């Protein structure tokens, strides 16, 4: 597992920093650990993927959007939605009870 972490940690950490806009290294480290834990739990599927980078990025986006929603950072989610042309609902099973649903943006119309 150490090799797994050593291989992916720097790239996941940097991507998480760019996607969230955070500079707090402790928060980024926790988010990175969450991404790698999810990836490790799905390592058999990850290993059999034709495009493992896409699989990793999907997990990263899922964790980042969940993290941002827990923080109530709807503005950052909207920015990601508009820049990355994604619908955050794809990456979540449902909204947390303390946050409102995201309004549909111009890309979903």
N, C-alpha and C. Protein backbone atom coordinates (compact mmCIF):
# COMPACT_ATOMS: atom_id res chain seq x y z
N UNK A 1 0.83 -1.20 0.00
CA UNK A 1 0.00 0.00 0.00
C UNK A 1 0.88 1.26 0.00
N UNK A 2 2.03 1.20 0.64
CA UNK A 2 2.92 2.36 0.67
C UNK A 2 3.31 2.79 -0.74
N UNK A 3 3.61 1.83 -1.61
CA UNK A 3 3.95 2.17 -2.99
C UNK A 3 2.77 2.85 -3.69
N UNK A 4 1.59 2.37 -3.41
CA UNK A 4 0.37 2.93 -3.97
C UNK A 4 0.24 4.40 -3.57
N UNK A 5 0.40 4.67 -2.28
CA UNK A 5 0.29 6.03 -1.77
C UNK A 5 1.40 6.91 -2.34
N UNK A 6 2.63 6.39 -2.32
CA UNK A 6 3.76 7.16 -2.84
C UNK A 6 3.55 7.53 -4.31
N UNK A 7 2.94 6.64 -5.05
CA UNK A 7 2.75 6.88 -6.48
C UNK A 7 1.70 7.95 -6.76
N UNK A 8 0.59 7.92 -6.03
CA UNK A 8 -0.54 8.78 -6.36
C UNK A 8 -0.69 10.03 -5.49
N UNK A 9 -0.12 10.02 -4.29
CA UNK A 9 -0.34 11.11 -3.34
C UNK A 9 -0.02 12.50 -3.92
N UNK A 10 1.17 12.71 -4.48
CA UNK A 10 1.49 14.08 -4.95
C UNK A 10 0.52 14.60 -6.00
N UNK A 11 0.16 13.78 -6.96
CA UNK A 11 -0.75 14.23 -8.02
C UNK A 11 -2.16 14.49 -7.50
N UNK A 12 -2.63 13.62 -6.61
CA UNK A 12 -3.97 13.80 -6.04
C UNK A 12 -3.99 15.06 -5.17
N UNK A 13 -2.96 15.25 -4.36
CA UNK A 13 -2.87 16.43 -3.50
C UNK A 13 -2.92 17.71 -4.34
N UNK A 14 -2.10 17.76 -5.37
CA UNK A 14 -2.05 18.95 -6.22
C UNK A 14 -3.37 19.19 -6.96
N UNK A 15 -3.98 18.13 -7.47
CA UNK A 15 -5.26 18.27 -8.16
C UNK A 15 -6.34 18.73 -7.18
N UNK A 16 -6.33 18.19 -5.97
CA UNK A 16 -7.31 18.60 -4.95
C UNK A 16 -7.13 20.08 -4.62
N UNK A 17 -5.89 20.53 -4.54
CA UNK A 17 -5.63 21.95 -4.25
C UNK A 17 -6.20 22.83 -5.37
N UNK A 18 -5.98 22.43 -6.61
CA UNK A 18 -6.49 23.23 -7.74
C UNK A 18 -8.02 23.21 -7.78
N UNK A 19 -8.61 22.05 -7.57
CA UNK A 19 -10.07 21.95 -7.67
C UNK A 19 -10.78 22.67 -6.53
N UNK A 20 -10.23 22.60 -5.33
CA UNK A 20 -10.90 23.22 -4.18
C UNK A 20 -10.51 24.67 -3.98
N UNK A 21 -9.33 25.05 -4.48
CA UNK A 21 -8.83 26.39 -4.24
C UNK A 21 -8.25 26.56 -2.85
N UNK A 22 -8.08 25.47 -2.12
CA UNK A 22 -7.56 25.53 -0.76
C UNK A 22 -6.05 25.69 -0.74
N UNK A 23 -5.56 26.30 0.33
CA UNK A 23 -4.12 26.35 0.55
C UNK A 23 -3.75 25.70 1.88
N UNK A 24 -4.75 25.35 2.69
CA UNK A 24 -4.52 24.71 3.98
C UNK A 24 -4.04 23.27 3.75
N UNK A 25 -2.77 23.03 4.04
CA UNK A 25 -2.17 21.73 3.75
C UNK A 25 -2.78 20.61 4.57
N UNK A 26 -3.24 20.89 5.78
CA UNK A 26 -3.88 19.86 6.60
C UNK A 26 -5.20 19.40 5.99
N UNK A 27 -6.00 20.37 5.57
CA UNK A 27 -7.28 20.02 4.93
C UNK A 27 -7.04 19.27 3.62
N UNK A 28 -6.07 19.73 2.85
CA UNK A 28 -5.75 19.06 1.59
C UNK A 28 -5.23 17.65 1.82
N UNK A 29 -4.43 17.48 2.86
CA UNK A 29 -3.91 16.14 3.19
C UNK A 29 -5.05 15.20 3.55
N UNK A 30 -6.02 15.69 4.34
CA UNK A 30 -7.17 14.85 4.72
C UNK A 30 -8.00 14.48 3.49
N UNK A 31 -8.24 15.46 2.63
CA UNK A 31 -9.00 15.20 1.40
C UNK A 31 -8.25 14.20 0.52
N UNK A 32 -6.95 14.37 0.39
CA UNK A 32 -6.13 13.46 -0.40
C UNK A 32 -6.20 12.05 0.17
N UNK A 33 -6.13 11.93 1.48
CA UNK A 33 -6.24 10.62 2.13
C UNK A 33 -7.60 9.99 1.87
N UNK A 34 -8.66 10.79 1.87
CA UNK A 34 -10.00 10.27 1.57
C UNK A 34 -10.07 9.74 0.14
N UNK A 35 -9.50 10.49 -0.79
CA UNK A 35 -9.49 10.05 -2.19
C UNK A 35 -8.72 8.75 -2.33
N UNK A 36 -7.55 8.69 -1.73
CA UNK A 36 -6.72 7.48 -1.84
C UNK A 36 -7.36 6.29 -1.13
N UNK A 37 -8.05 6.53 -0.03
CA UNK A 37 -8.74 5.44 0.67
C UNK A 37 -9.85 4.88 -0.22
N UNK A 38 -10.61 5.76 -0.86
CA UNK A 38 -11.67 5.30 -1.77
C UNK A 38 -11.06 4.56 -2.95
N UNK A 39 -9.98 5.08 -3.47
CA UNK A 39 -9.30 4.42 -4.58
C UNK A 39 -8.78 3.05 -4.16
N UNK A 40 -8.23 2.96 -2.96
CA UNK A 40 -7.71 1.68 -2.45
C UNK A 40 -8.84 0.67 -2.28
N UNK A 41 -9.99 1.14 -1.77
CA UNK A 41 -11.15 0.26 -1.61
C UNK A 41 -11.62 -0.29 -2.96
N UNK A 42 -11.38 0.45 -4.02
CA UNK A 42 -11.80 0.06 -5.36
C UNK A 42 -10.62 -0.34 -6.24
N UNK A 43 -9.53 -0.79 -5.61
CA UNK A 43 -8.29 -1.05 -6.35
C UNK A 43 -8.42 -2.15 -7.39
N UNK A 44 -9.27 -3.13 -7.17
CA UNK A 44 -9.44 -4.19 -8.19
C UNK A 44 -10.07 -3.62 -9.46
N UNK A 45 -11.09 -2.81 -9.25
CA UNK A 45 -11.73 -2.16 -10.40
C UNK A 45 -10.75 -1.17 -11.06
N UNK A 46 -10.00 -0.45 -10.23
CA UNK A 46 -9.01 0.51 -10.73
C UNK A 46 -7.96 -0.20 -11.58
N UNK A 47 -7.47 -1.34 -11.10
CA UNK A 47 -6.43 -2.09 -11.80
C UNK A 47 -6.92 -2.64 -13.13
N UNK A 48 -8.22 -2.93 -13.22
CA UNK A 48 -8.76 -3.51 -14.45
C UNK A 48 -9.27 -2.45 -15.43
N UNK A 49 -9.22 -1.20 -15.04
CA UNK A 49 -9.70 -0.11 -15.90
C UNK A 49 -8.80 0.05 -17.12
N UNK A 50 -9.42 0.28 -18.25
CA UNK A 50 -8.67 0.59 -19.46
C UNK A 50 -8.01 1.96 -19.36
N UNK A 51 -8.71 2.88 -18.70
CA UNK A 51 -8.21 4.24 -18.53
C UNK A 51 -8.20 4.57 -17.04
N UNK A 52 -7.21 4.10 -16.30
CA UNK A 52 -7.20 4.29 -14.84
C UNK A 52 -7.18 5.76 -14.42
N UNK A 53 -6.60 6.63 -15.23
CA UNK A 53 -6.58 8.05 -14.90
C UNK A 53 -7.98 8.64 -14.83
N UNK A 54 -8.86 8.19 -15.71
CA UNK A 54 -10.25 8.66 -15.72
C UNK A 54 -10.95 8.16 -14.46
N UNK A 55 -10.70 6.92 -14.09
CA UNK A 55 -11.28 6.34 -12.88
C UNK A 55 -10.83 7.14 -11.65
N UNK A 56 -9.54 7.42 -11.57
CA UNK A 56 -9.00 8.20 -10.45
C UNK A 56 -9.61 9.60 -10.42
N UNK A 57 -9.71 10.25 -11.55
CA UNK A 57 -10.26 11.59 -11.62
C UNK A 57 -11.73 11.61 -11.19
N UNK A 58 -12.46 10.59 -11.56
CA UNK A 58 -13.87 10.51 -11.16
C UNK A 58 -14.00 10.43 -9.64
N UNK A 59 -13.16 9.59 -9.02
CA UNK A 59 -13.18 9.48 -7.56
C UNK A 59 -12.75 10.81 -6.94
N UNK A 60 -11.73 11.43 -7.50
CA UNK A 60 -11.27 12.72 -7.00
C UNK A 60 -12.40 13.75 -7.05
N UNK A 61 -13.08 13.85 -8.17
CA UNK A 61 -14.19 14.80 -8.28
C UNK A 61 -15.30 14.50 -7.28
N UNK A 62 -15.60 13.23 -7.11
CA UNK A 62 -16.64 12.82 -6.17
C UNK A 62 -16.27 13.29 -4.76
N UNK A 63 -15.06 13.05 -4.35
CA UNK A 63 -14.61 13.44 -3.01
C UNK A 63 -14.54 14.96 -2.87
N UNK A 64 -14.06 15.65 -3.89
CA UNK A 64 -13.96 17.11 -3.84
C UNK A 64 -15.34 17.74 -3.73
N UNK A 65 -16.28 17.29 -4.51
CA UNK A 65 -17.63 17.85 -4.47
C UNK A 65 -18.29 17.57 -3.12
N UNK A 66 -18.11 16.36 -2.61
CA UNK A 66 -18.65 16.04 -1.28
C UNK A 66 -18.02 16.95 -0.23
N UNK A 67 -16.73 17.14 -0.30
CA UNK A 67 -16.00 18.01 0.63
C UNK A 67 -16.53 19.44 0.55
N UNK A 68 -16.68 19.95 -0.65
CA UNK A 68 -17.15 21.33 -0.83
C UNK A 68 -18.59 21.49 -0.34
N UNK A 69 -19.41 20.50 -0.56
CA UNK A 69 -20.80 20.59 -0.09
C UNK A 69 -20.86 20.59 1.42
N UNK A 70 -20.04 19.76 2.06
CA UNK A 70 -20.01 19.75 3.53
C UNK A 70 -19.58 21.10 4.09
N UNK A 71 -18.70 21.79 3.38
CA UNK A 71 -18.23 23.12 3.79
C UNK A 71 -19.24 24.20 3.42
N UNK A 72 -20.22 23.85 2.61
CA UNK A 72 -21.20 24.83 2.17
C UNK A 72 -20.68 25.75 1.07
N UNK A 73 -19.65 25.30 0.37
CA UNK A 73 -19.02 26.12 -0.67
C UNK A 73 -19.69 25.88 -2.02
N UNK A 74 -20.93 26.34 -2.11
CA UNK A 74 -21.70 26.15 -3.34
C UNK A 74 -21.11 26.96 -4.50
N UNK A 75 -20.51 28.09 -4.17
CA UNK A 75 -19.90 28.92 -5.23
C UNK A 75 -18.79 28.15 -5.93
N UNK A 76 -17.95 27.45 -5.18
CA UNK A 76 -16.85 26.69 -5.80
C UNK A 76 -17.42 25.53 -6.62
N UNK A 77 -18.47 24.91 -6.16
CA UNK A 77 -19.09 23.82 -6.92
C UNK A 77 -19.63 24.36 -8.24
N UNK A 78 -20.25 25.53 -8.20
CA UNK A 78 -20.75 26.15 -9.43
C UNK A 78 -19.60 26.44 -10.39
N UNK A 79 -18.50 26.93 -9.86
CA UNK A 79 -17.33 27.20 -10.70
C UNK A 79 -16.84 25.91 -11.35
N UNK A 80 -16.73 24.85 -10.58
CA UNK A 80 -16.29 23.57 -11.14
C UNK A 80 -17.27 23.08 -12.20
N UNK A 81 -18.54 23.21 -11.90
CA UNK A 81 -19.57 22.77 -12.86
C UNK A 81 -19.41 23.51 -14.18
N UNK A 82 -19.21 24.80 -14.10
CA UNK A 82 -19.13 25.60 -15.32
C UNK A 82 -17.81 25.42 -16.06
N UNK A 83 -16.73 25.27 -15.33
CA UNK A 83 -15.42 25.09 -15.97
C UNK A 83 -15.25 23.68 -16.52
N UNK A 84 -15.62 22.70 -15.73
CA UNK A 84 -15.40 21.31 -16.11
C UNK A 84 -16.56 20.72 -16.90
N UNK A 85 -17.63 21.51 -17.04
CA UNK A 85 -18.82 21.04 -17.76
C UNK A 85 -19.37 19.75 -17.16
N UNK A 86 -19.52 19.76 -15.83
CA UNK A 86 -20.03 18.58 -15.13
C UNK A 86 -21.30 18.94 -14.39
N UNK A 87 -22.08 17.95 -14.10
CA UNK A 87 -23.23 18.09 -13.23
C UNK A 87 -22.83 17.44 -11.90
N UNK A 88 -22.67 18.22 -10.82
CA UNK A 88 -22.24 17.64 -9.55
C UNK A 88 -23.14 16.52 -9.05
N UNK A 89 -24.40 16.51 -9.47
CA UNK A 89 -25.31 15.45 -9.03
C UNK A 89 -24.83 14.08 -9.48
N UNK A 90 -24.08 14.02 -10.56
CA UNK A 90 -23.56 12.75 -11.05
C UNK A 90 -22.66 12.09 -10.01
N UNK A 91 -21.98 12.93 -9.22
CA UNK A 91 -20.98 12.44 -8.29
C UNK A 91 -21.49 12.25 -6.88
N UNK A 92 -22.77 12.53 -6.64
CA UNK A 92 -23.32 12.41 -5.30
C UNK A 92 -24.58 11.57 -5.33
N UNK A 93 -24.79 10.84 -4.24
CA UNK A 93 -26.01 10.04 -4.17
C UNK A 93 -27.19 10.90 -3.71
N UNK A 94 -26.94 12.02 -3.10
CA UNK A 94 -27.99 12.93 -2.67
C UNK A 94 -27.39 14.07 -1.88
N UNK A 95 -28.10 15.19 -1.79
CA UNK A 95 -27.54 16.33 -1.08
C UNK A 95 -27.52 16.08 0.42
N UNK A 96 -26.52 16.61 1.12
CA UNK A 96 -26.55 16.54 2.57
C UNK A 96 -27.77 17.30 3.08
N UNK A 97 -28.35 16.89 4.17
CA UNK A 97 -29.59 17.52 4.63
C UNK A 97 -29.45 19.00 4.97
N UNK A 98 -28.25 19.47 5.30
CA UNK A 98 -28.10 20.86 5.71
C UNK A 98 -27.76 21.81 4.57
N UNK A 99 -27.70 21.31 3.34
CA UNK A 99 -27.39 22.17 2.19
C UNK A 99 -28.50 22.08 1.16
N UNK A 100 -28.82 23.19 0.52
CA UNK A 100 -29.86 23.17 -0.50
C UNK A 100 -29.37 22.51 -1.78
N UNK A 101 -30.31 22.07 -2.59
CA UNK A 101 -29.95 21.57 -3.92
C UNK A 101 -29.34 22.71 -4.72
N UNK A 102 -28.44 22.37 -5.61
CA UNK A 102 -27.84 23.39 -6.48
C UNK A 102 -28.83 23.76 -7.57
N UNK A 103 -28.96 25.04 -7.86
CA UNK A 103 -29.83 25.42 -8.98
C UNK A 103 -29.17 25.01 -10.27
N UNK A 104 -29.98 24.76 -11.27
CA UNK A 104 -29.45 24.41 -12.57
C UNK A 104 -28.82 25.62 -13.20
N UNK A 105 -27.66 25.43 -13.80
CA UNK A 105 -26.96 26.55 -14.43
C UNK A 105 -27.22 26.58 -15.92
N UNK A 106 -26.57 27.51 -16.61
CA UNK A 106 -26.80 27.69 -18.04
C UNK A 106 -26.39 26.47 -18.85
N UNK A 107 -25.44 25.67 -18.36
CA UNK A 107 -24.99 24.50 -19.12
C UNK A 107 -26.01 23.37 -19.13
N UNK A 108 -26.92 23.37 -18.17
CA UNK A 108 -27.88 22.28 -18.09
C UNK A 108 -29.21 22.63 -18.74
N UNK A 109 -29.27 23.80 -19.35
CA UNK A 109 -30.53 24.21 -19.97
C UNK A 109 -30.57 23.84 -21.43
